[in-house]
Structures are given as C-alpha cells and as structure tokens.
Amino acid sequence: MKNSFARRLTIRVALLVVSTAFLVLVAGGWLLNRQGMRSIEIMQGIEGEELRHLLGELENPTPAQIKHRFENEADSDIALYFVQVRNPHGDVVYRSANLGEAFIPPAPATDRHHWTSQVNGAGAVRVSEFIVGSWRIQVGSPLTPVTRILHSYVGISIALLAVTALLSLGLGHAFSRLTLAPLRDIESAARRISADNLGERIPVPPGHDELASLARLLNQAFDRLETSFGQVRRFSAEASHELKTPLALIRLNAEKLRARLAPALAADSESEALVADLLDETTRMGRIIESLLFIAKAEGGALVLERHSQEMAPFVAGFAEDAAVLAQDRGLQFRIGCVDTGAASIDPHRLRQLLLNLVSNAIAASPPGGVITLDVVRRDNGVGGGGWRLTMTDEGPGLPPEMLEKIFDRFVRYASATRASVSTDADARHRGHGLGLAICRSIAELHGGTIRAENREDRPGLRIVMEW
C-alpha cells in the first residue's frame, strides 16, 4: 500500500481502536483493583465487628485479657487476617501469631480507617481500623492475591491489545476502502476525462452529502472546461481557415517580387537572403495552418478516412525507402525490424503521414550514428483474430515520465540537454512546430486505435506504439 490517504486513514482507525481498547483495559484494571480492595474491606469489616464486640465486653482490659479473648477468633482466621490492638497511648498490646515479630504501622493520617502498608514478611497489606473507645483494632489482609490477579490481568490485556492492533489494521483497511470507494469512483471517472473526451461526466452519488456536492462541482468545472476547449478549437479552425488565403497571397507576391527583382537581388546577396527567409517562413506558416486545420477537422468529425484493405509488407517497404534517405541525410540508419504479412484496413495516405511524422521526430531525437527501427506486427486478441501494432524505436535520450502523455498535445516540444548540446543550424531549421505527434494521435484515433510513448528498457531511447 502506498503512502496514501487510504493508508493514513487505516493507521488512524487502528490507532483509534487500539487507544480506545487501551483506555478501556486501563479503566478495567483500575476497577478490578478497586473492587478487590472493596471486597477485602467488606470482609475485614465483618471480622472487625466481631473483634470489636469481644473487646467491648471488657472493662479496662489488660493485654492478657485481650489475648485470651482474641486468641480463638484470630487463630481461626489466621490464614486470612493479621490482627493488632493498640491501647489509648498507641502502644501495641496484642498481635496475632501470624505477624510474628512484625507489626502493622499506624495509620498515615488520624482520619483514615483504610490504608495500605508494608509489613515485614508479608509485603503489601490492606489495613482496616476499628475504634472501641480509645482502643484501636487493626485488621490487615495480604494483597498478594489481588496483586497476582492484576498481574494476570496485565498479561491478558497486553495479549488482547496485540490482537486488537492486528484486527484493527484489517478493520481500518476495510473501513478505508469502503469509505473511499465513492472517491475512487470519482477519481476513475475524472481520469477518463481528457482533452479528447470532455463530454463524459462524473456520476453523481445519490443524496445531498459532501461527495455528491464534490461530484457536481467537478462536473460544473468540466462543463466550463469543455466550453473553453470548444471555443479554442473553433477559433483554431476558423483562424487557420481564414489565414490560408492571405498567406497564399503573401507567398505569391513574394515570389513575383523575387522574379521581378532577380537581377538586382543577384547583385545584393543580403536582400536575396531576406526574400528567401520570407518564403521559408510563409512555407512554415502554411504547414502550421494545414496541421491545425487537419487536427480541427479530425476532432470535429469532419475528416473521413479513405480506408481499404492494404498488404502491410509492401506498404512498409515503400515507406522504408524514403525513411532511409531521410535518416541517411542526417547521419542515421533506418531499419525494418519485424513485419508480419497480411492485409489491414487503413488509409495509406494518412498512415504514411503518421509514419513520416514519427520518423522525423526520431531523426531529430537520435544522436549521430543512431539507429531507428520500425516494426509492424499482428496483435492476437486471444480469440483467433486481432489488429496490428506499429512500433517506431529510436536511440535518443527518451522522455521524462511526465512527458510521455503530454508529448501528444498540441505545440508540446521537449528538448533534452543531450539534444541541445549536439544541435546544429540544420536542426534549428528542421525543428518542428509541436503539432506532428498531435496529428499522429488524430490519425490513430481515426483508425479506431491508440498511440502511446514509452521509454526503452534495454537502453536510452523512445518507443512510439500505435495499435489498431
């Protein structure tokens, strides 16, 4: 279990249960001790009343008379009580035989009738004092039985606490899972909602509690987000469409200007370079606008693929020839790995566009001498059929984990320190505009498939996988 809120809740529930059990057991021990003392005092009270009656029958008793009177009574209960009598001066005039040479200490306070004292040879003794005139009869009982019971209680309590701790962890885990189940449902639904799936909403639990309010609040936020995304997409599509004609006119006029001023530009290399840069930038702007229009049409459902059954082996071989030329121009190698035979339902033009975008990204990411590999294999769905898996692998630095999903968003580009250190002017001229992988995702989804990025396990590098 990760260090999550569920784990913290489990631990808190376990601590609460164990703490409660501990307090209950402590209170039980205190009550057990108190009840033991109370039982001793009641029994001593019965014995004390009998001794008080015996002493009360004597007038100005002597120690010999007290001994004679108490001997039979005290000896019969010698296993239960210590008996001691003090005269009005506080002197001990009688001790039961079981006290031996020891004696019961006087009360720590004059108004105390029950106390605990240490008696030599007997240990802790609970003492009750009964007054007859100016005489004091002290009856003591050993606390060994009570102490033994309390020790047993402590041992049993420790064992119970250990069992309670284990059970409370299981109870806490079950409680946290049950309590957080609605939150997990909300989290799962929220994770499914992405830029391409803003129409889905979180199911609102029945009732009007905090969880239902949270679900409604999140749905309202997604409503606003969907509206904002829709406005941005419409603006992107409309702006791209409106910019196509002015941009085409700019390029046309720039080409006419270069043709008319060709003799003058030939003598002025700086002016020739400026006009060439203008044409290059209009070309680049045109590619960006075309890319934005493509994505907008794909997301809006206005783009229809021209799919038909296509043998994959010759299709891949034809693409590999162009990819090898592109890679060789940058000092890289392009290789075909495993290619299964068979036909797939694809739009060859769009799938080729996807492959060109992938190989362009791989070329930009790979170090000099690197190898780019393409594999196209069948996927077995376990029931005798299946689709296809296309994998483009490079030997670049790979991506941080947090970028593996974001890299397919619009205008997202990632330049690692390794790439930056080996970049050249040619790299700068060929650097993309951050729409290539977004187009790849649109093409993959139009084919009813998915596309993902993952880092290689065997060495540094990135692997782009499309499945359909």
Protein backbone atom coordinates (compact mmCIF):
# COMPACT_ATOMS: atom_id res chain seq x y z
CA MET A 1 0.00 0.00 0.00
CA LYS A 2 1.47 3.38 -0.96
CA ASN A 3 1.85 6.26 1.43
CA SER A 4 -1.64 7.47 0.52
CA PHE A 5 -4.64 8.87 2.31
CA ALA A 6 -6.10 5.33 2.46
CA ARG A 7 -3.00 4.15 4.33
CA ARG A 8 -3.10 7.10 6.71
CA LEU A 9 -6.82 6.51 7.33
CA THR A 10 -6.14 2.82 8.04
CA ILE A 11 -3.43 3.70 10.54
CA ARG A 12 -5.61 6.34 12.20
CA VAL A 13 -8.52 3.92 12.59
CA ALA A 14 -6.16 1.29 14.01
CA LEU A 15 -4.67 3.81 16.45
CA LEU A 16 -8.14 4.94 17.49
CA VAL A 17 -9.30 1.37 18.13
CA VAL A 18 -6.10 0.40 19.97
CA SER A 19 -6.14 3.61 22.04
CA THR A 20 -9.78 3.04 22.96
CA ALA A 21 -9.06 -0.58 23.89
CA PHE A 22 -6.05 0.54 25.95
CA LEU A 23 -8.12 3.10 27.87
CA VAL A 24 -10.88 0.53 28.44
CA LEU A 25 -8.37 -2.02 29.75
CA VAL A 26 -6.71 0.58 31.99
CA ALA A 27 -10.11 1.55 33.36
CA GLY A 28 -10.92 -2.15 33.79
CA GLY A 29 -7.69 -2.69 35.73
CA TRP A 30 -8.44 0.27 37.96
CA LEU A 31 -11.98 -1.01 38.61
CA LEU A 32 -10.67 -4.53 39.23
CA ASN A 33 -8.17 -3.23 41.77
CA ARG A 34 -10.80 -1.06 43.40
CA GLN A 35 -13.26 -3.94 43.58
CA GLY A 36 -10.60 -6.19 45.07
CA MET A 37 -9.83 -3.62 47.74
CA ARG A 38 -13.52 -3.12 48.41
CA SER A 39 -14.09 -6.86 48.82
CA ILE A 40 -11.19 -7.06 51.28
CA GLU A 41 -12.54 -4.10 53.25
CA ILE A 42 -16.03 -5.70 53.45
CA MET A 43 -14.57 -8.96 54.76
CA GLN A 44 -12.38 -7.02 57.19
CA GLY A 45 -15.45 -5.13 58.33
CA ILE A 46 -17.19 -8.39 59.27
CA GLU A 47 -14.09 -9.58 61.15
CA GLY A 48 -13.63 -6.18 62.80
CA GLU A 49 -17.20 -6.11 64.10
CA GLU A 50 -16.70 -9.48 65.77
CA LEU A 51 -13.44 -8.31 67.37
CA ARG A 52 -14.99 -5.01 68.43
CA HIS A 53 -17.81 -6.91 70.12
CA LEU A 54 -15.29 -9.08 72.01
CA LEU A 55 -13.26 -6.06 73.12
CA GLY A 56 -16.36 -4.11 74.07
CA GLU A 57 -17.35 -6.75 76.63
CA LEU A 58 -14.19 -5.98 78.65
CA GLU A 59 -13.87 -3.05 81.01
CA ASN A 60 -10.33 -1.63 81.21
CA PRO A 61 -8.92 -4.76 79.59
CA THR A 62 -5.36 -5.91 80.21
CA PRO A 63 -3.13 -7.32 77.45
CA ALA A 64 -3.60 -10.80 78.92
CA GLN A 65 -7.39 -10.45 78.79
CA ILE A 66 -7.28 -9.19 75.20
CA LYS A 67 -5.01 -12.03 74.19
CA HIS A 68 -7.29 -14.57 75.84
CA ARG A 69 -10.39 -13.09 74.21
CA PHE A 70 -8.88 -12.69 70.69
CA GLU A 71 -6.79 -15.85 70.52
CA ASN A 72 -9.54 -18.22 69.46
CA GLU A 73 -11.12 -15.77 66.99
CA ALA A 74 -7.82 -14.64 65.49
CA ASP A 75 -6.38 -18.15 65.25
CA SER A 76 -9.44 -19.40 63.35
CA ASP A 77 -8.87 -16.75 60.66
CA ILE A 78 -5.07 -16.72 60.77
CA ALA A 79 -4.83 -17.53 57.05
CA LEU A 80 -6.95 -14.50 56.14
CA TYR A 81 -6.14 -11.69 58.57
CA PHE A 82 -3.44 -10.05 60.62
CA VAL A 83 -4.89 -8.68 63.90
CA GLN A 84 -3.28 -6.00 66.03
CA VAL A 85 -4.61 -3.96 69.00
CA ARG A 86 -3.26 -0.59 70.16
CA ASN A 87 -4.07 0.95 73.56
CA PRO A 88 -5.08 4.59 74.02
CA HIS A 89 -1.36 5.54 74.10
CA GLY A 90 -0.75 3.94 70.70
CA ASP A 91 1.25 1.03 72.06
CA VAL A 92 0.74 -2.41 70.53
CA VAL A 93 -0.73 -4.66 73.24
CA TYR A 94 -1.73 -7.58 71.02
CA ARG A 95 -0.56 -9.11 67.72
CA SER A 96 -1.89 -12.24 66.06
CA ALA A 97 0.55 -15.12 65.81
CA ASN A 98 0.90 -14.82 62.03
CA LEU A 99 2.54 -11.37 62.44
CA GLY A 100 5.49 -12.88 64.27
CA GLU A 101 7.89 -10.09 65.26
CA ALA A 102 6.42 -7.69 62.70
CA PHE A 103 3.70 -5.16 63.38
CA ILE A 104 1.23 -3.15 61.39
CA PRO A 105 2.32 0.52 61.06
CA PRO A 106 -0.13 3.14 62.36
CA ALA A 107 -2.47 4.96 60.02
CA PRO A 108 -0.73 7.68 57.95
CA ALA A 109 -3.49 10.12 58.96
CA THR A 110 -5.67 10.17 62.04
CA ASP A 111 -8.89 10.29 59.98
CA ARG A 112 -8.01 7.30 57.79
CA HIS A 113 -9.75 3.99 58.51
CA HIS A 114 -8.46 2.07 55.47
CA TRP A 115 -4.91 2.18 54.11
CA THR A 116 -2.16 0.06 52.60
CA SER A 117 1.08 -0.56 54.47
CA GLN A 118 4.19 -2.65 54.06
CA VAL A 119 4.54 -5.36 56.71
CA ASN A 120 7.82 -7.20 57.13
CA GLY A 121 7.49 -10.73 55.80
CA ALA A 122 4.02 -10.11 54.36
CA GLY A 123 4.59 -7.36 51.82
CA ALA A 124 1.72 -5.04 50.98
CA VAL A 125 -1.16 -5.33 53.41
CA ARG A 126 -4.57 -3.67 53.28
CA VAL A 127 -5.48 -2.46 56.78
CA SER A 128 -8.85 -1.52 58.25
CA GLU A 129 -9.03 0.13 61.66
CA PHE A 130 -11.93 -0.17 64.11
CA ILE A 131 -12.18 2.05 67.21
CA VAL A 132 -13.59 0.84 70.54
CA GLY A 133 -13.50 3.72 72.96
CA SER A 134 -9.84 4.75 72.99
CA TRP A 135 -8.66 1.37 71.74
CA ARG A 136 -7.84 0.67 68.09
CA ILE A 137 -8.30 -2.72 66.47
CA GLN A 138 -6.34 -3.07 63.20
CA VAL A 139 -7.22 -5.90 60.82
CA GLY A 140 -4.89 -6.47 57.85
CA SER A 141 -5.13 -8.70 54.78
CA PRO A 142 -2.25 -9.55 52.41
CA LEU A 143 -2.64 -8.03 48.93
CA THR A 144 -0.78 -10.89 47.25
CA PRO A 145 -3.96 -12.46 45.75
CA VAL A 146 -5.10 -9.10 44.38
CA THR A 147 -1.63 -8.37 43.01
CA ARG A 148 -1.50 -11.79 41.37
CA ILE A 149 -4.87 -11.21 39.74
CA LEU A 150 -3.76 -7.77 38.49
CA HIS A 151 -0.54 -9.21 37.05
CA SER A 152 -2.57 -11.83 35.17
CA TYR A 153 -4.92 -9.08 34.00
CA VAL A 154 -1.98 -7.04 32.67
CA GLY A 155 -0.62 -10.04 30.74
CA ILE A 156 -4.01 -10.81 29.25
CA SER A 157 -4.51 -7.11 28.42
CA ILE A 158 -1.20 -6.94 26.54
CA ALA A 159 -2.17 -10.00 24.51
CA LEU A 160 -5.60 -8.51 23.82
CA LEU A 161 -4.01 -5.22 22.71
CA ALA A 162 -1.73 -7.07 20.29
CA VAL A 163 -4.67 -8.98 18.81
CA THR A 164 -6.74 -5.79 18.72
CA ALA A 165 -3.94 -3.98 16.88
CA LEU A 166 -3.82 -6.66 14.18
CA LEU A 167 -7.59 -6.84 13.86
CA SER A 168 -7.90 -3.05 13.81
CA LEU A 169 -5.44 -2.84 10.89
CA GLY A 170 -7.68 -5.18 8.92
CA LEU A 171 -10.76 -3.29 10.09
CA GLY A 172 -9.13 0.03 9.23
CA HIS A 173 -8.18 -1.20 5.77
CA ALA A 174 -11.72 -2.40 5.10
CA PHE A 175 -13.14 0.82 6.53
CA SER A 176 -10.84 2.99 4.38
CA ARG A 177 -11.72 1.03 1.24
CA LEU A 178 -15.43 1.29 1.98
CA THR A 179 -15.21 4.96 2.90
CA LEU A 180 -13.03 5.96 -0.05
CA ALA A 181 -14.87 3.83 -2.64
CA PRO A 182 -17.03 6.79 -3.81
CA LEU A 183 -13.90 8.95 -4.06
CA ARG A 184 -12.16 6.27 -6.11
CA ASP A 185 -15.15 6.17 -8.44
CA ILE A 186 -14.93 9.95 -8.82
CA GLU A 187 -11.17 9.74 -9.42
CA SER A 188 -11.59 6.99 -12.01
CA ALA A 189 -14.23 8.97 -13.88
CA ALA A 190 -12.13 12.15 -13.70
CA ARG A 191 -9.09 10.32 -15.10
CA ARG A 192 -11.12 9.16 -18.10
CA ILE A 193 -11.96 12.76 -18.95
CA SER A 194 -9.29 14.25 -21.18
CA ALA A 195 -8.98 16.87 -23.88
CA ASP A 196 -10.38 14.32 -26.34
CA ASN A 197 -13.18 13.15 -24.03
CA LEU A 198 -14.56 16.28 -22.40
CA GLY A 199 -18.16 15.16 -22.91
CA GLU A 200 -18.01 12.50 -20.19
CA ARG A 201 -19.11 13.43 -16.68
CA ILE A 202 -18.64 12.08 -13.19
CA PRO A 203 -21.64 10.07 -11.90
CA VAL A 204 -23.27 11.98 -9.04
CA PRO A 205 -23.92 9.75 -5.98
CA PRO A 206 -27.50 9.78 -4.66
CA GLY A 207 -28.25 12.18 -1.84
CA HIS A 208 -27.01 15.62 -0.93
CA ASP A 209 -23.86 14.84 1.03
CA GLU A 210 -20.33 16.18 0.55
CA LEU A 211 -19.41 13.60 -2.11
CA ALA A 212 -22.43 14.49 -4.23
CA SER A 213 -21.54 18.18 -3.89
CA LEU A 214 -17.95 17.42 -4.93
CA ALA A 215 -19.10 15.48 -8.00
CA ARG A 216 -21.46 18.30 -9.02
CA LEU A 217 -18.70 20.87 -8.52
CA LEU A 218 -16.27 18.88 -10.68
CA ASN A 219 -18.90 18.40 -13.37
CA GLN A 220 -19.50 22.15 -13.41
CA ALA A 221 -15.76 22.69 -13.81
CA PHE A 222 -15.68 20.19 -16.68
CA ASP A 223 -18.65 21.98 -18.28
CA ARG A 224 -16.71 25.24 -18.24
CA LEU A 225 -13.59 23.47 -19.47
CA GLU A 226 -15.47 21.82 -22.34
CA THR A 227 -16.93 25.17 -23.34
CA SER A 228 -13.48 26.80 -23.27
CA PHE A 229 -11.93 23.96 -25.27
CA GLY A 230 -14.72 24.18 -27.81
CA GLN A 231 -14.16 27.91 -28.22
CA VAL A 232 -10.41 27.40 -28.62
CA ARG A 233 -10.89 24.65 -31.19
CA ARG A 234 -13.41 26.68 -33.17
CA PHE A 235 -11.10 29.67 -33.10
CA SER A 236 -8.17 27.49 -34.20
CA ALA A 237 -10.14 26.04 -37.10
CA GLU A 238 -11.67 29.36 -38.17
CA ALA A 239 -8.43 31.30 -37.80
CA SER A 240 -6.48 28.66 -39.74
CA HIS A 241 -9.07 28.69 -42.50
CA GLU A 242 -9.12 32.49 -42.69
CA LEU A 243 -5.31 32.69 -42.74
CA LYS A 244 -4.84 30.31 -45.66
CA THR A 245 -5.80 32.77 -48.38
CA PRO A 246 -3.83 35.81 -47.07
CA LEU A 247 -0.79 33.61 -46.53
CA ALA A 248 -1.05 32.21 -50.05
CA LEU A 249 -1.22 35.78 -51.40
CA ILE A 250 1.83 36.78 -49.36
CA ARG A 251 3.81 33.87 -50.77
CA LEU A 252 2.60 34.55 -54.32
CA ASN A 253 3.55 38.23 -54.10
CA ALA A 254 6.94 37.38 -52.58
CA GLU A 255 7.66 35.01 -55.47
CA LYS A 256 6.59 37.67 -58.00
CA LEU A 257 8.80 40.21 -56.25
CA ARG A 258 11.79 37.88 -56.40
CA ALA A 259 11.15 37.19 -60.09
CA ARG A 260 10.88 40.90 -60.98
CA LEU A 261 13.91 41.92 -58.96
CA ALA A 262 16.01 38.91 -59.88
CA PRO A 263 18.84 40.96 -61.49
CA ALA A 264 19.01 43.38 -58.57
CA LEU A 265 18.79 40.60 -55.98
CA ALA A 266 21.58 38.70 -57.70
CA ALA A 267 23.85 41.65 -57.01
CA ASP A 268 22.58 42.09 -53.44
CA SER A 269 23.03 38.82 -51.52
CA GLU A 270 21.59 40.24 -48.30
CA SER A 271 18.31 41.20 -49.99
CA GLU A 272 18.18 37.81 -51.71
CA ALA A 273 18.57 36.11 -48.30
CA LEU A 274 15.78 38.23 -46.81
CA VAL A 275 13.37 37.29 -49.60
CA ALA A 276 14.36 33.61 -49.24
CA ASP A 277 13.73 33.77 -45.48
CA LEU A 278 10.33 35.35 -46.14
CA LEU A 279 9.38 32.48 -48.46
CA ASP A 280 10.67 29.90 -45.96
CA GLU A 281 8.64 31.39 -43.13
CA THR A 282 5.47 31.56 -45.22
CA THR A 283 6.01 27.90 -46.10
CA ARG A 284 6.44 27.07 -42.41
CA MET A 285 3.34 29.07 -41.51
CA GLY A 286 1.44 27.22 -44.21
CA ARG A 287 2.44 23.87 -42.69
CA ILE A 288 1.29 25.00 -39.25
CA ILE A 289 -2.05 26.19 -40.61
CA GLU A 290 -2.57 22.95 -42.52
CA SER A 291 -1.73 20.96 -39.39
CA LEU A 292 -4.16 22.95 -37.26
CA LEU A 293 -6.89 22.54 -39.85
CA PHE A 294 -6.26 18.80 -40.01
CA ILE A 295 -6.48 18.42 -36.22
CA ALA A 296 -9.59 20.60 -36.04
CA LYS A 297 -11.32 18.55 -38.74
CA ALA A 298 -10.30 15.28 -37.10
CA GLU A 299 -11.56 16.37 -33.69
CA GLY A 300 -14.75 17.78 -35.18
CA GLY A 301 -15.54 14.57 -37.08
CA ALA A 302 -15.31 16.34 -40.43
CA LEU A 303 -12.38 14.26 -41.68
CA VAL A 304 -13.23 10.94 -43.33
CA LEU A 305 -10.57 8.34 -44.00
CA GLU A 306 -10.33 6.58 -47.34
CA ARG A 307 -9.75 3.13 -45.88
CA HIS A 308 -9.28 -0.05 -47.82
CA SER A 309 -7.53 -3.38 -47.41
CA GLN A 310 -3.79 -2.91 -47.84
CA GLU A 311 -1.00 -5.50 -47.71
CA MET A 312 1.28 -4.23 -44.97
CA ALA A 313 4.62 -5.70 -46.10
CA PRO A 314 4.82 -3.83 -49.46
CA PHE A 315 3.38 -0.70 -47.84
CA VAL A 316 6.10 -0.69 -45.18
CA ALA A 317 8.79 -1.46 -47.77
CA GLY A 318 7.74 1.53 -49.88
CA PHE A 319 7.84 3.84 -46.87
CA ALA A 320 11.20 2.44 -45.74
CA GLU A 321 12.92 3.65 -48.92
CA ASP A 322 12.01 7.28 -48.21
CA ALA A 323 12.70 6.95 -44.48
CA ALA A 324 16.17 5.54 -45.16
CA VAL A 325 17.01 8.55 -47.34
CA LEU A 326 15.82 10.98 -44.64
CA ALA A 327 17.84 9.18 -41.96
CA GLN A 328 20.98 8.89 -44.10
CA ASP A 329 20.87 12.63 -44.78
CA ARG A 330 21.27 13.19 -41.03
CA GLY A 331 23.93 10.52 -40.47
CA LEU A 332 21.50 7.90 -39.11
CA GLN A 333 20.31 4.44 -40.09
CA PHE A 334 16.73 3.38 -40.67
CA ARG A 335 15.97 -0.32 -40.34
CA ILE A 336 12.92 -2.51 -40.77
CA GLY A 337 12.56 -4.94 -37.90
CA CYS A 338 9.74 -7.47 -37.83
CA VAL A 339 6.98 -7.05 -40.43
CA ASP A 340 4.14 -9.58 -40.49
CA THR A 341 2.40 -10.49 -43.71
CA GLY A 342 -1.27 -9.82 -44.17
CA ALA A 343 -3.70 -7.05 -45.02
CA ALA A 344 -5.00 -4.27 -42.81
CA SER A 345 -7.83 -1.79 -43.26
CA ILE A 346 -6.03 1.57 -43.43
CA ASP A 347 -5.93 4.90 -45.20
CA PRO A 348 -2.47 4.56 -46.82
CA HIS A 349 -2.03 8.30 -47.27
CA ARG A 350 -2.83 9.15 -43.64
CA LEU A 351 -0.85 6.22 -42.21
CA ARG A 352 2.14 7.25 -44.31
CA GLN A 353 1.72 10.78 -42.93
CA LEU A 354 1.79 9.33 -39.41
CA LEU A 355 4.94 7.31 -40.16
CA LEU A 356 6.69 10.34 -41.66
CA ASN A 357 5.92 12.38 -38.55
CA LEU A 358 7.23 9.60 -36.32
CA VAL A 359 10.44 9.12 -38.28
CA SER A 360 11.00 12.90 -38.38
CA ASN A 361 10.74 13.05 -34.59
CA ALA A 362 13.03 10.03 -34.24
CA ILE A 363 15.61 11.65 -36.53
CA ALA A 364 15.51 14.86 -34.50
CA ALA A 365 15.97 12.93 -31.25
CA SER A 366 18.67 10.45 -32.28
CA PRO A 367 22.41 11.09 -31.80
CA PRO A 368 24.79 10.80 -34.81
CA GLY A 369 25.14 7.19 -35.89
CA GLY A 370 21.91 6.18 -34.18
CA VAL A 371 19.54 3.53 -35.48
CA ILE A 372 15.79 3.97 -35.99
CA THR A 373 13.74 0.77 -36.19
CA LEU A 374 10.19 0.16 -37.43
CA ASP A 375 8.20 -2.98 -36.52
CA VAL A 376 4.72 -3.78 -37.84
CA VAL A 377 3.21 -6.94 -36.36
CA ARG A 378 -0.16 -8.54 -35.82
CA ARG A 379 -1.84 -8.43 -32.43
CA ASP A 380 -3.56 -11.60 -31.21
CA ASN A 381 -6.70 -10.88 -29.19
CA GLY A 382 -6.86 -14.47 -27.94
CA VAL A 383 -9.94 -15.49 -29.97
CA GLY A 384 -8.31 -16.13 -33.31
CA GLY A 385 -8.31 -12.52 -34.54
CA GLY A 386 -6.69 -9.25 -33.70
CA GLY A 387 -5.39 -5.97 -35.03
CA TRP A 388 -1.99 -4.52 -35.77
CA ARG A 389 0.80 -2.94 -33.76
CA LEU A 390 3.19 -0.40 -35.27
CA THR A 391 6.32 0.48 -33.28
CA MET A 392 8.91 3.18 -34.07
CA THR A 393 12.02 2.95 -31.87
CA ASP A 394 14.93 5.39 -31.65
CA GLU A 395 18.17 5.63 -29.68
CA GLY A 396 17.70 9.15 -28.34
CA PRO A 397 17.64 10.19 -24.68
CA GLY A 398 13.99 9.25 -24.17
CA LEU A 399 11.50 11.35 -22.23
CA PRO A 400 10.79 12.10 -18.56
CA PRO A 401 7.80 10.05 -17.32
CA GLU A 402 5.60 13.14 -17.01
CA MET A 403 6.14 13.97 -20.71
CA LEU A 404 5.13 10.58 -22.13
CA GLU A 405 1.45 11.59 -22.32
CA LYS A 406 1.86 15.34 -22.79
CA ILE A 407 4.04 14.91 -25.89
CA PHE A 408 0.88 14.20 -27.94
CA ASP A 409 -0.70 17.55 -27.05
CA ARG A 410 -0.60 20.50 -29.42
CA PHE A 411 2.53 22.69 -29.51
CA VAL A 412 4.33 20.49 -26.96
CA ARG A 413 8.01 20.04 -27.70
CA TYR A 414 10.72 18.59 -25.49
CA ALA A 415 14.41 19.35 -25.91
CA SER A 416 16.69 17.45 -23.52
CA ALA A 417 20.12 18.66 -22.52
CA THR A 418 21.62 15.93 -24.72
CA ARG A 419 19.76 17.14 -27.78
CA ALA A 420 20.61 20.77 -27.08
CA SER A 421 24.32 20.01 -26.75
CA VAL A 422 24.51 18.34 -30.19
CA SER A 423 22.06 20.59 -32.08
CA THR A 424 23.21 22.34 -35.26
CA ASP A 425 21.90 25.02 -37.56
CA ALA A 426 20.30 22.28 -39.64
CA ASP A 427 18.49 21.05 -36.53
CA ALA A 428 17.12 24.53 -35.92
CA ARG A 429 15.84 24.79 -39.49
CA HIS A 430 14.17 21.38 -39.35
CA ARG A 431 12.80 21.69 -35.83
CA GLY A 432 9.06 21.04 -35.79
CA HIS A 433 6.26 23.19 -34.52
CA GLY A 434 4.88 20.78 -31.91
CA LEU A 435 1.92 19.51 -33.95
CA GLY A 436 3.36 16.34 -35.50
CA LEU A 437 2.51 13.96 -32.67
CA ALA A 438 -0.88 15.62 -32.16
CA ILE A 439 -1.59 14.81 -35.82
CA CYS A 440 -0.37 11.24 -35.23
CA ARG A 441 -2.83 10.84 -32.37
CA SER A 442 -5.68 12.14 -34.55
CA ILE A 443 -4.76 9.69 -37.35
CA ALA A 444 -4.52 6.79 -34.88
CA GLU A 445 -7.92 7.61 -33.39
CA LEU A 446 -9.47 7.97 -36.85
CA HIS A 447 -8.30 4.39 -37.48
CA GLY A 448 -10.05 3.34 -34.26
CA GLY A 449 -6.73 2.85 -32.48
CA THR A 450 -4.49 4.34 -29.85
CA ILE A 451 -0.97 5.70 -29.74
CA ARG A 452 1.40 5.95 -26.80
CA ALA A 453 5.01 6.75 -25.97
CA GLU A 454 7.21 4.67 -23.68
CA ASN A 455 10.89 4.68 -22.78
CA ARG A 456 13.02 1.72 -23.77
CA GLU A 457 14.02 -0.72 -21.05
CA ASP A 458 17.22 -2.06 -22.65
CA ARG A 459 18.92 1.31 -23.27
CA PRO A 460 18.13 5.04 -23.62
CA GLY A 461 15.59 5.68 -26.32
CA LEU A 462 11.92 6.23 -27.04
CA ARG A 463 9.35 3.83 -28.42
CA ILE A 464 6.14 5.11 -30.09
CA VAL A 465 3.47 2.41 -30.34
CA MET A 466 0.28 2.63 -32.40
CA GLU A 467 -2.29 -0.14 -32.09
CA TRP A 468 -5.46 -0.53 -34.15
